[in-house]
Amino acid sequence: MSHLATTPEPPYYAVIFSSQLRDDAQGYDQMAMRMVELAASQSGFLGIESARNQLGITVSYWESLEAIRTWKQNAEHLEAQRLGRQQWYSDFRVRVAKVERDYGLVF
């Protein structure tokens, strides 16, 4: 990702996905790009920010907890979750948070 997500006035929700890849994570990059495309097409999706070095962190923003639940149950996303557990991740953590304040630089 090359820019920060543009989000509405709070409240809204953030799903924070932190992960460590295994040494051999063949197919991961293609699936990660597909998941960004797919998430962006989901109702209630607000934006995404992602960075990867030794530790990967992706934060997706959502209008509601219901939108997050719907995304979690998407068939393609379920397959990506399965592959992640079996093939790509040595460790991961998912955190869901309610965003109550949002501020930054104003130009």
C-alpha atoms as a PDB file:
ATOM      1  CA  MET A   1       0.000   0.000   0.000  1.00  0.00           C
ATOM      2  CA  SER A   2       1.333   3.409  -0.840  1.00  0.00           C
ATOM      3  CA  HIS A   3      -0.939   5.681   1.179  1.00  0.00           C
ATOM      4  CA  LEU A   4      -2.956   5.939   4.344  1.00  0.00           C
ATOM      5  CA  ALA A   5      -6.592   4.924   4.220  1.00  0.00           C
ATOM      6  CA  THR A   6      -9.170   7.699   4.121  1.00  0.00           C
ATOM      7  CA  THR A   7     -11.691   6.930   6.838  1.00  0.00           C
ATOM      8  CA  PRO A   8     -14.901   8.657   7.965  1.00  0.00           C
ATOM      9  CA  GLU A   9     -15.504  10.355  11.278  1.00  0.00           C
ATOM     10  CA  PRO A  10     -15.454   7.773  14.088  1.00  0.00           C
ATOM     11  CA  PRO A  11     -16.784   5.551  15.341  1.00  0.00           C
ATOM     12  CA  TYR A  12     -15.839   2.718  13.015  1.00  0.00           C
ATOM     13  CA  TYR A  13     -13.881  -0.522  13.448  1.00  0.00           C
ATOM     14  CA  ALA A  14     -10.367  -1.722  12.707  1.00  0.00           C
ATOM     15  CA  VAL A  15      -9.243  -5.292  12.161  1.00  0.00           C
ATOM     16  CA  ILE A  16      -5.528  -5.516  12.926  1.00  0.00           C
ATOM     17  CA  PHE A  17      -3.838  -8.586  11.432  1.00  0.00           C
ATOM     18  CA  SER A  18      -0.243  -9.125  12.566  1.00  0.00           C
ATOM     19  CA  SER A  19       1.678 -12.038  11.060  1.00  0.00           C
ATOM     20  CA  GLN A  20       5.017 -13.724  10.580  1.00  0.00           C
ATOM     21  CA  LEU A  21       5.536 -15.650   7.358  1.00  0.00           C
ATOM     22  CA  ARG A  22       7.292 -18.984   7.126  1.00  0.00           C
ATOM     23  CA  ASP A  23      10.458 -19.070   5.045  1.00  0.00           C
ATOM     24  CA  ASP A  24       8.614 -20.715   2.146  1.00  0.00           C
ATOM     25  CA  ALA A  25       5.361 -18.811   1.598  1.00  0.00           C
ATOM     26  CA  GLN A  26       4.871 -19.531  -2.096  1.00  0.00           C
ATOM     27  CA  GLY A  27       1.636 -18.036  -3.434  1.00  0.00           C
ATOM     28  CA  TYR A  28       1.208 -15.686  -0.478  1.00  0.00           C
ATOM     29  CA  ASP A  29       1.749 -12.395  -2.351  1.00  0.00           C
ATOM     30  CA  GLN A  30      -0.847 -13.239  -5.000  1.00  0.00           C
ATOM     31  CA  MET A  31      -3.387 -14.255  -2.378  1.00  0.00           C
ATOM     32  CA  ALA A  32      -2.707 -11.112  -0.321  1.00  0.00           C
ATOM     33  CA  MET A  33      -3.383  -8.920  -3.381  1.00  0.00           C
ATOM     34  CA  ARG A  34      -6.589 -10.847  -4.103  1.00  0.00           C
ATOM     35  CA  MET A  35      -7.773 -10.409  -0.507  1.00  0.00           C
ATOM     36  CA  VAL A  36      -7.297  -6.623  -0.758  1.00  0.00           C
ATOM     37  CA  GLU A  37      -9.353  -6.577  -3.991  1.00  0.00           C
ATOM     38  CA  LEU A  38     -12.027  -8.783  -2.462  1.00  0.00           C
ATOM     39  CA  ALA A  39     -12.247  -6.850   0.817  1.00  0.00           C
ATOM     40  CA  ALA A  40     -12.593  -3.583  -1.102  1.00  0.00           C
ATOM     41  CA  SER A  41     -15.681  -4.991  -2.833  1.00  0.00           C
ATOM     42  CA  GLN A  42     -17.392  -5.923   0.453  1.00  0.00           C
ATOM     43  CA  SER A  43     -20.220  -3.856   1.917  1.00  0.00           C
ATOM     44  CA  GLY A  44     -19.001  -1.842   4.893  1.00  0.00           C
ATOM     45  CA  PHE A  45     -15.326  -1.793   3.859  1.00  0.00           C
ATOM     46  CA  LEU A  46     -13.696   1.600   4.485  1.00  0.00           C
ATOM     47  CA  GLY A  47     -10.025   1.125   3.638  1.00  0.00           C
ATOM     48  CA  ILE A  48      -6.803  -0.753   4.314  1.00  0.00           C
ATOM     49  CA  GLU A  49      -3.186  -0.099   5.272  1.00  0.00           C
ATOM     50  CA  SER A  50      -0.445  -2.714   5.157  1.00  0.00           C
ATOM     51  CA  ALA A  51       3.287  -3.073   5.751  1.00  0.00           C
ATOM     52  CA  ARG A  52       5.568  -6.103   5.716  1.00  0.00           C
ATOM     53  CA  ASN A  53       9.145  -6.616   6.771  1.00  0.00           C
ATOM     54  CA  GLN A  54       9.986  -9.331   9.297  1.00  0.00           C
ATOM     55  CA  LEU A  55       6.572  -8.648  10.802  1.00  0.00           C
ATOM     56  CA  GLY A  56       3.517  -8.010   8.639  1.00  0.00           C
ATOM     57  CA  ILE A  57       0.747  -5.716   9.841  1.00  0.00           C
ATOM     58  CA  THR A  58      -2.448  -5.098   7.908  1.00  0.00           C
ATOM     59  CA  VAL A  59      -5.195  -2.891   9.283  1.00  0.00           C
ATOM     60  CA  SER A  60      -8.556  -2.956   7.542  1.00  0.00           C
ATOM     61  CA  TYR A  61     -11.295  -0.494   8.449  1.00  0.00           C
ATOM     62  CA  TRP A  62     -15.003  -1.332   8.570  1.00  0.00           C
ATOM     63  CA  GLU A  63     -18.310   0.434   9.221  1.00  0.00           C
ATOM     64  CA  SER A  64     -19.622  -2.192  11.642  1.00  0.00           C
ATOM     65  CA  LEU A  65     -18.996  -5.441  13.449  1.00  0.00           C
ATOM     66  CA  GLU A  66     -21.553  -7.056  11.150  1.00  0.00           C
ATOM     67  CA  ALA A  67     -19.486  -6.045   8.094  1.00  0.00           C
ATOM     68  CA  ILE A  68     -16.434  -7.651   9.742  1.00  0.00           C
ATOM     69  CA  ARG A  69     -18.367 -10.865  10.448  1.00  0.00           C
ATOM     70  CA  THR A  70     -19.565 -11.004   6.846  1.00  0.00           C
ATOM     71  CA  TRP A  71     -15.989 -10.521   5.578  1.00  0.00           C
ATOM     72  CA  LYS A  72     -14.668 -13.241   7.888  1.00  0.00           C
ATOM     73  CA  GLN A  73     -17.174 -15.696   6.387  1.00  0.00           C
ATOM     74  CA  ASN A  74     -16.528 -14.857   2.703  1.00  0.00           C
ATOM     75  CA  ALA A  75     -15.760 -18.138   0.883  1.00  0.00           C
ATOM     76  CA  GLU A  76     -12.533 -16.931  -0.756  1.00  0.00           C
ATOM     77  CA  HIS A  77     -11.398 -15.356   2.499  1.00  0.00           C
ATOM     78  CA  LEU A  78     -12.091 -18.640   4.332  1.00  0.00           C
ATOM     79  CA  GLU A  79      -9.830 -20.418   1.832  1.00  0.00           C
ATOM     80  CA  ALA A  80      -7.082 -17.812   2.349  1.00  0.00           C
ATOM     81  CA  GLN A  81      -7.419 -18.305   6.119  1.00  0.00           C
ATOM     82  CA  ARG A  82      -7.048 -22.078   5.692  1.00  0.00           C
ATOM     83  CA  LEU A  83      -3.961 -21.708   3.493  1.00  0.00           C
ATOM     84  CA  GLY A  84      -2.493 -19.182   5.914  1.00  0.00           C
ATOM     85  CA  ARG A  85      -2.777 -21.599   8.829  1.00  0.00           C
ATOM     86  CA  GLN A  86      -1.479 -24.566   6.831  1.00  0.00           C
ATOM     87  CA  GLN A  87       1.196 -23.041   4.593  1.00  0.00           C
ATOM     88  CA  TRP A  88       2.127 -19.398   5.070  1.00  0.00           C
ATOM     89  CA  TYR A  89       2.157 -18.240   8.685  1.00  0.00           C
ATOM     90  CA  SER A  90       4.490 -19.283  11.473  1.00  0.00           C
ATOM     91  CA  ASP A  91       2.403 -17.070  13.766  1.00  0.00           C
ATOM     92  CA  PHE A  92      -0.438 -14.548  13.525  1.00  0.00           C
ATOM     93  CA  ARG A  93      -2.846 -12.578  15.650  1.00  0.00           C
ATOM     94  CA  VAL A  94      -6.140 -10.867  14.779  1.00  0.00           C
ATOM     95  CA  ARG A  95      -7.417  -7.988  16.875  1.00  0.00           C
ATOM     96  CA  VAL A  96     -10.681  -6.089  16.405  1.00  0.00           C
ATOM     97  CA  ALA A  97     -10.949  -2.581  17.836  1.00  0.00           C
ATOM     98  CA  LYS A  98     -13.464   0.237  17.839  1.00  0.00           C
ATOM     99  CA  VAL A  99     -11.924   3.484  16.599  1.00  0.00           C
ATOM    100  CA  GLU A 100     -13.154   6.345  18.721  1.00  0.00           C
ATOM    101  CA  ARG A 101     -10.690   9.070  17.685  1.00  0.00           C
ATOM    102  CA  ASP A 102      -8.955   9.711  14.375  1.00  0.00           C
ATOM    103  CA  TYR A 103      -6.591  12.642  13.724  1.00  0.00           C
ATOM    104  CA  GLY A 104      -3.450  13.491  11.790  1.00  0.00           C
ATOM    105  CA  LEU A 105      -1.754  16.158   9.731  1.00  0.00           C
ATOM    106  CA  VAL A 106      -4.056  18.663   8.091  1.00  0.00           C
ATOM    107  CA  PHE A 107      -2.844  20.331   4.889  1.00  0.00           C
END
